[in-house]
Amino acid sequence: MVIEDGKFYFIKDEFFDVFKDYGLMINKENGKKRQCYFGFRDRKNKEIIWLVPISTKYDKYKKIYDIKK
């Protein structure tokens, strides 16, 4: 699979089945919604691909960020 910078991706359930014990996010919330990820390559090492989860719950995660900061 080719990952292009600045595109959105959905990860298949099989990936999460293989890596289920690695502390990753769940792929579906309540079994219904599949998480969307924003993909881009690392600037220093082009072999590293970052997939960052996207959420519309900005206020929720802003509070968590502020607490952890």
PDB file of N, CA and C in Angstrom:
ATOM      1  N   MET A   1       0.842  -1.188   0.000  1.00  0.00           N
ATOM      2  CA  MET A   1       0.000   0.000   0.000  1.00  0.00           C
ATOM      3  C   MET A   1       0.883   1.246   0.000  1.00  0.00           C
ATOM      4  N   VAL A   2       0.529   2.176  -0.818  1.00  0.00           N
ATOM      5  CA  VAL A   2       1.264   3.436  -0.889  1.00  0.00           C
ATOM      6  C   VAL A   2       0.542   4.462  -0.022  1.00  0.00           C
ATOM      7  N   ILE A   3       1.278   5.062   0.904  1.00  0.00           N
ATOM      8  CA  ILE A   3       0.716   6.106   1.764  1.00  0.00           C
ATOM      9  C   ILE A   3       1.139   7.452   1.186  1.00  0.00           C
ATOM     10  N   GLU A   4       0.170   8.288   0.904  1.00  0.00           N
ATOM     11  CA  GLU A   4       0.447   9.617   0.378  1.00  0.00           C
ATOM     12  C   GLU A   4       0.274  10.645   1.484  1.00  0.00           C
ATOM     13  N   ASP A   5       1.174  11.620   1.524  1.00  0.00           N
ATOM     14  CA  ASP A   5       1.089  12.682   2.524  1.00  0.00           C
ATOM     15  C   ASP A   5      -0.212  13.457   2.377  1.00  0.00           C
ATOM     16  N   GLY A   6      -0.804  13.773   3.523  1.00  0.00           N
ATOM     17  CA  GLY A   6      -1.984  14.624   3.528  1.00  0.00           C
ATOM     18  C   GLY A   6      -3.288  13.948   3.159  1.00  0.00           C
ATOM     19  N   LYS A   7      -3.327  12.625   3.171  1.00  0.00           N
ATOM     20  CA  LYS A   7      -4.557  11.902   2.845  1.00  0.00           C
ATOM     21  C   LYS A   7      -5.099  11.234   4.110  1.00  0.00           C
ATOM     22  N   PHE A   8      -6.377  10.881   4.072  1.00  0.00           N
ATOM     23  CA  PHE A   8      -7.020  10.201   5.183  1.00  0.00           C
ATOM     24  C   PHE A   8      -7.113   8.711   4.885  1.00  0.00           C
ATOM     25  N   TYR A   9      -6.971   7.892   5.950  1.00  0.00           N
ATOM     26  CA  TYR A   9      -6.965   6.440   5.791  1.00  0.00           C
ATOM     27  C   TYR A   9      -7.808   5.769   6.864  1.00  0.00           C
ATOM     28  N   PHE A  10      -8.348   4.619   6.503  1.00  0.00           N
ATOM     29  CA  PHE A  10      -9.039   3.740   7.437  1.00  0.00           C
ATOM     30  C   PHE A  10      -8.228   2.451   7.496  1.00  0.00           C
ATOM     31  N   ILE A  11      -7.982   1.973   8.705  1.00  0.00           N
ATOM     32  CA  ILE A  11      -7.173   0.771   8.883  1.00  0.00           C
ATOM     33  C   ILE A  11      -8.091  -0.435   9.034  1.00  0.00           C
ATOM     34  N   LYS A  12      -7.767  -1.515   8.349  1.00  0.00           N
ATOM     35  CA  LYS A  12      -8.582  -2.725   8.390  1.00  0.00           C
ATOM     36  C   LYS A  12      -8.553  -3.366   9.778  1.00  0.00           C
ATOM     37  N   ASP A  13      -9.631  -4.066  10.103  1.00  0.00           N
ATOM     38  CA  ASP A  13      -9.731  -4.771  11.382  1.00  0.00           C
ATOM     39  C   ASP A  13      -8.599  -5.780  11.563  1.00  0.00           C
ATOM     40  N   GLU A  14      -8.155  -6.391  10.487  1.00  0.00           N
ATOM     41  CA  GLU A  14      -7.112  -7.413  10.567  1.00  0.00           C
ATOM     42  C   GLU A  14      -5.830  -6.866  11.188  1.00  0.00           C
ATOM     43  N   PHE A  15      -5.509  -5.607  10.932  1.00  0.00           N
ATOM     44  CA  PHE A  15      -4.312  -5.005  11.518  1.00  0.00           C
ATOM     45  C   PHE A  15      -4.431  -4.998  13.037  1.00  0.00           C
ATOM     46  N   PHE A  16      -5.591  -4.609  13.541  1.00  0.00           N
ATOM     47  CA  PHE A  16      -5.800  -4.538  14.979  1.00  0.00           C
ATOM     48  C   PHE A  16      -5.880  -5.926  15.610  1.00  0.00           C
ATOM     49  N   ASP A  17      -6.309  -6.917  14.844  1.00  0.00           N
ATOM     50  CA  ASP A  17      -6.315  -8.297  15.334  1.00  0.00           C
ATOM     51  C   ASP A  17      -4.879  -8.792  15.539  1.00  0.00           C
ATOM     52  N   VAL A  18      -4.009  -8.480  14.591  1.00  0.00           N
ATOM     53  CA  VAL A  18      -2.614  -8.919  14.669  1.00  0.00           C
ATOM     54  C   VAL A  18      -1.876  -8.203  15.800  1.00  0.00           C
ATOM     55  N   PHE A  19      -2.149  -6.908  15.993  1.00  0.00           N
ATOM     56  CA  PHE A  19      -1.426  -6.111  16.978  1.00  0.00           C
ATOM     57  C   PHE A  19      -2.294  -5.745  18.186  1.00  0.00           C
ATOM     58  N   LYS A  20      -3.182  -6.647  18.593  1.00  0.00           N
ATOM     59  CA  LYS A  20      -4.148  -6.342  19.646  1.00  0.00           C
ATOM     60  C   LYS A  20      -3.536  -6.137  21.030  1.00  0.00           C
ATOM     61  N   ASP A  21      -2.365  -6.662  21.290  1.00  0.00           N
ATOM     62  CA  ASP A  21      -1.751  -6.542  22.614  1.00  0.00           C
ATOM     63  C   ASP A  21      -0.688  -5.443  22.688  1.00  0.00           C
ATOM     64  N   TYR A  22      -0.739  -4.484  21.773  1.00  0.00           N
ATOM     65  CA  TYR A  22       0.264  -3.433  21.721  1.00  0.00           C
ATOM     66  C   TYR A  22      -0.240  -2.100  22.264  1.00  0.00           C
ATOM     67  N   GLY A  23      -1.416  -2.068  22.878  1.00  0.00           N
ATOM     68  CA  GLY A  23      -1.948  -0.843  23.462  1.00  0.00           C
ATOM     69  C   GLY A  23      -2.443   0.168  22.450  1.00  0.00           C
ATOM     70  N   LEU A  24      -2.815  -0.293  21.259  1.00  0.00           N
ATOM     71  CA  LEU A  24      -3.317   0.605  20.230  1.00  0.00           C
ATOM     72  C   LEU A  24      -4.775   0.961  20.491  1.00  0.00           C
ATOM     73  N   MET A  25      -5.243   1.995  19.834  1.00  0.00           N
ATOM     74  CA  MET A  25      -6.660   2.350  19.897  1.00  0.00           C
ATOM     75  C   MET A  25      -7.486   1.206  19.326  1.00  0.00           C
ATOM     76  N   ILE A  26      -8.755   1.167  19.726  1.00  0.00           N
ATOM     77  CA  ILE A  26      -9.642   0.201  19.094  1.00  0.00           C
ATOM     78  C   ILE A  26     -10.038   0.745  17.726  1.00  0.00           C
ATOM     79  N   ASN A  27     -10.368  -0.149  16.810  1.00  0.00           N
ATOM     80  CA  ASN A  27     -10.646   0.284  15.446  1.00  0.00           C
ATOM     81  C   ASN A  27     -12.070   0.786  15.269  1.00  0.00           C
ATOM     82  N   LYS A  28     -12.966   0.325  16.116  1.00  0.00           N
ATOM     83  CA  LYS A  28     -14.361   0.751  15.990  1.00  0.00           C
ATOM     84  C   LYS A  28     -14.896   1.108  17.365  1.00  0.00           C
ATOM     85  N   GLU A  29     -15.577   2.226  17.440  1.00  0.00           N
ATOM     86  CA  GLU A  29     -16.182   2.667  18.686  1.00  0.00           C
ATOM     87  C   GLU A  29     -17.540   2.000  18.817  1.00  0.00           C
ATOM     88  N   ASN A  30     -17.721   1.228  19.883  1.00  0.00           N
ATOM     89  CA  ASN A  30     -18.967   0.481  20.109  1.00  0.00           C
ATOM     90  C   ASN A  30     -19.301  -0.432  18.932  1.00  0.00           C
ATOM     91  N   GLY A  31     -18.275  -0.863  18.204  1.00  0.00           N
ATOM     92  CA  GLY A  31     -18.470  -1.773  17.088  1.00  0.00           C
ATOM     93  C   GLY A  31     -19.080  -1.155  15.844  1.00  0.00           C
ATOM     94  N   LYS A  32     -19.225   0.173  15.790  1.00  0.00           N
ATOM     95  CA  LYS A  32     -19.932   0.787  14.672  1.00  0.00           C
ATOM     96  C   LYS A  32     -19.084   1.741  13.841  1.00  0.00           C
ATOM     97  N   LYS A  33     -18.339   2.611  14.483  1.00  0.00           N
ATOM     98  CA  LYS A  33     -17.614   3.649  13.746  1.00  0.00           C
ATOM     99  C   LYS A  33     -16.140   3.285  13.615  1.00  0.00           C
ATOM    100  N   ARG A  34     -15.615   3.390  12.412  1.00  0.00           N
ATOM    101  CA  ARG A  34     -14.199   3.121  12.165  1.00  0.00           C
ATOM    102  C   ARG A  34     -13.427   4.432  12.268  1.00  0.00           C
ATOM    103  N   GLN A  35     -12.340   4.406  13.025  1.00  0.00           N
ATOM    104  CA  GLN A  35     -11.500   5.583  13.222  1.00  0.00           C
ATOM    105  C   GLN A  35     -10.828   5.994  11.913  1.00  0.00           C
ATOM    106  N   CYS A  36     -10.760   7.285  11.654  1.00  0.00           N
ATOM    107  CA  CYS A  36     -10.089   7.831  10.480  1.00  0.00           C
ATOM    108  C   CYS A  36      -8.718   8.364  10.903  1.00  0.00           C
ATOM    109  N   TYR A  37      -7.709   8.155  10.068  1.00  0.00           N
ATOM    110  CA  TYR A  37      -6.344   8.582  10.362  1.00  0.00           C
ATOM    111  C   TYR A  37      -5.823   9.498   9.258  1.00  0.00           C
ATOM    112  N   PHE A  38      -5.028  10.473   9.657  1.00  0.00           N
ATOM    113  CA  PHE A  38      -4.343  11.364   8.724  1.00  0.00           C
ATOM    114  C   PHE A  38      -2.935  10.811   8.544  1.00  0.00           C
ATOM    115  N   GLY A  39      -2.525  10.549   7.305  1.00  0.00           N
ATOM    116  CA  GLY A  39      -1.237   9.923   7.046  1.00  0.00           C
ATOM    117  C   GLY A  39      -0.197  10.873   6.481  1.00  0.00           C
ATOM    118  N   PHE A  40       1.043  10.715   6.969  1.00  0.00           N
ATOM    119  CA  PHE A  40       2.163  11.473   6.415  1.00  0.00           C
ATOM    120  C   PHE A  40       3.474  10.783   6.763  1.00  0.00           C
ATOM    121  N   ARG A  41       4.487  11.044   5.975  1.00  0.00           N
ATOM    122  CA  ARG A  41       5.817  10.455   6.199  1.00  0.00           C
ATOM    123  C   ARG A  41       6.655  11.355   7.105  1.00  0.00           C
ATOM    124  N   ASP A  42       7.538  10.719   7.860  1.00  0.00           N
ATOM    125  CA  ASP A  42       8.458  11.440   8.733  1.00  0.00           C
ATOM    126  C   ASP A  42       9.412  12.274   7.881  1.00  0.00           C
ATOM    127  N   ARG A  43       9.728  13.476   8.325  1.00  0.00           N
ATOM    128  CA  ARG A  43      10.610  14.354   7.534  1.00  0.00           C
ATOM    129  C   ARG A  43      12.052  13.865   7.490  1.00  0.00           C
ATOM    130  N   LYS A  44      12.511  13.256   8.590  1.00  0.00           N
ATOM    131  CA  LYS A  44      13.913  12.810   8.642  1.00  0.00           C
ATOM    132  C   LYS A  44      14.101  11.399   8.084  1.00  0.00           C
ATOM    133  N   ASN A  45      13.126  10.524   8.328  1.00  0.00           N
ATOM    134  CA  ASN A  45      13.236   9.147   7.869  1.00  0.00           C
ATOM    135  C   ASN A  45      11.979   8.810   7.064  1.00  0.00           C
ATOM    136  N   LYS A  46      12.078   8.844   5.766  1.00  0.00           N
ATOM    137  CA  LYS A  46      10.934   8.660   4.870  1.00  0.00           C
ATOM    138  C   LYS A  46      10.328   7.260   4.949  1.00  0.00           C
ATOM    139  N   GLU A  47      11.005   6.317   5.622  1.00  0.00           N
ATOM    140  CA  GLU A  47      10.453   4.975   5.776  1.00  0.00           C
ATOM    141  C   GLU A  47       9.443   4.909   6.917  1.00  0.00           C
ATOM    142  N   ILE A  48       9.420   5.929   7.775  1.00  0.00           N
ATOM    143  CA  ILE A  48       8.458   5.977   8.880  1.00  0.00           C
ATOM    144  C   ILE A  48       7.203   6.681   8.397  1.00  0.00           C
ATOM    145  N   ILE A  49       6.072   6.012   8.593  1.00  0.00           N
ATOM    146  CA  ILE A  49       4.771   6.576   8.216  1.00  0.00           C
ATOM    147  C   ILE A  49       3.977   6.827   9.485  1.00  0.00           C
ATOM    148  N   TRP A  50       3.519   8.045   9.664  1.00  0.00           N
ATOM    149  CA  TRP A  50       2.709   8.410  10.815  1.00  0.00           C
ATOM    150  C   TRP A  50       1.245   8.391  10.406  1.00  0.00           C
ATOM    151  N   LEU A  51       0.408   7.747  11.222  1.00  0.00           N
ATOM    152  CA  LEU A  51      -1.039   7.755  11.029  1.00  0.00           C
ATOM    153  C   LEU A  51      -1.643   8.302  12.320  1.00  0.00           C
ATOM    154  N   VAL A  52      -2.121   9.523  12.253  1.00  0.00           N
ATOM    155  CA  VAL A  52      -2.628  10.231  13.428  1.00  0.00           C
ATOM    156  C   VAL A  52      -4.149  10.167  13.424  1.00  0.00           C
ATOM    157  N   PRO A  53      -4.757   9.697  14.542  1.00  0.00           N
ATOM    158  CA  PRO A  53      -6.217   9.623  14.576  1.00  0.00           C
ATOM    159  C   PRO A  53      -6.854  11.005  14.516  1.00  0.00           C
ATOM    160  N   ILE A  54      -7.953  11.095  13.804  1.00  0.00           N
ATOM    161  CA  ILE A  54      -8.696  12.343  13.640  1.00  0.00           C
ATOM    162  C   ILE A  54      -9.970  12.250  14.484  1.00  0.00           C
ATOM    163  N   SER A  55     -10.337  13.357  15.125  1.00  0.00           N
ATOM    164  CA  SER A  55     -11.552  13.359  15.936  1.00  0.00           C
ATOM    165  C   SER A  55     -12.261  14.708  15.830  1.00  0.00           C
ATOM    166  N   THR A  56     -13.563  14.670  15.955  1.00  0.00           N
ATOM    167  CA  THR A  56     -14.350  15.901  16.009  1.00  0.00           C
ATOM    168  C   THR A  56     -14.551  16.360  17.453  1.00  0.00           C
ATOM    169  N   LYS A  57     -14.040  15.572  18.414  1.00  0.00           N
ATOM    170  CA  LYS A  57     -14.218  15.863  19.836  1.00  0.00           C
ATOM    171  C   LYS A  57     -13.059  16.713  20.356  1.00  0.00           C
ATOM    172  N   TYR A  58     -12.856  17.866  19.755  1.00  0.00           N
ATOM    173  CA  TYR A  58     -11.730  18.740  20.083  1.00  0.00           C
ATOM    174  C   TYR A  58     -11.724  19.115  21.564  1.00  0.00           C
ATOM    175  N   ASP A  59     -12.855  19.557  22.095  1.00  0.00           N
ATOM    176  CA  ASP A  59     -12.910  20.006  23.492  1.00  0.00           C
ATOM    177  C   ASP A  59     -12.515  18.893  24.459  1.00  0.00           C
ATOM    178  N   LYS A  60     -12.972  17.685  24.186  1.00  0.00           N
ATOM    179  CA  LYS A  60     -12.642  16.543  25.036  1.00  0.00           C
ATOM    180  C   LYS A  60     -11.128  16.319  25.083  1.00  0.00           C
ATOM    181  N   TYR A  61     -10.506  16.278  23.924  1.00  0.00           N
ATOM    182  CA  TYR A  61      -9.075  15.987  23.872  1.00  0.00           C
ATOM    183  C   TYR A  61      -8.223  17.181  24.284  1.00  0.00           C
ATOM    184  N   LYS A  62      -8.727  18.372  24.132  1.00  0.00           N
ATOM    185  CA  LYS A  62      -8.018  19.567  24.606  1.00  0.00           C
ATOM    186  C   LYS A  62      -7.909  19.526  26.122  1.00  0.00           C
ATOM    187  N   LYS A  63      -8.976  19.120  26.808  1.00  0.00           N
ATOM    188  CA  LYS A  63      -8.939  18.996  28.273  1.00  0.00           C
ATOM    189  C   LYS A  63      -7.925  17.956  28.708  1.00  0.00           C
ATOM    190  N   ILE A  64      -7.926  16.815  28.038  1.00  0.00           N
ATOM    191  CA  ILE A  64      -6.956  15.753  28.361  1.00  0.00           C
ATOM    192  C   ILE A  64      -5.529  16.261  28.132  1.00  0.00           C
ATOM    193  N   TYR A  65      -5.313  16.945  27.032  1.00  0.00           N
ATOM    194  CA  TYR A  65      -4.002  17.513  26.725  1.00  0.00           C
ATOM    195  C   TYR A  65      -3.562  18.485  27.817  1.00  0.00           C
ATOM    196  N   ASP A  66      -4.457  19.396  28.195  1.00  0.00           N
ATOM    197  CA  ASP A  66      -4.122  20.390  29.216  1.00  0.00           C
ATOM    198  C   ASP A  66      -3.777  19.753  30.548  1.00  0.00           C
ATOM    199  N   ILE A  67      -4.489  18.696  30.926  1.00  0.00           N
ATOM    200  CA  ILE A  67      -4.210  18.004  32.191  1.00  0.00           C
ATOM    201  C   ILE A  67      -2.832  17.338  32.144  1.00  0.00           C
ATOM    202  N   LYS A  68      -2.535  16.662  31.043  1.00  0.00           N
ATOM    203  CA  LYS A  68      -1.265  15.941  30.927  1.00  0.00           C
ATOM    204  C   LYS A  68      -0.078  16.874  30.748  1.00  0.00           C
ATOM    205  N   LYS A  69      -0.331  18.047  30.199  1.00  0.00           N
ATOM    206  CA  LYS A  69       0.733  19.026  29.964  1.00  0.00           C
ATOM    207  C   LYS A  69       1.220  19.546  31.284  1.00  0.00           C
TER     208      LYS A  69
END
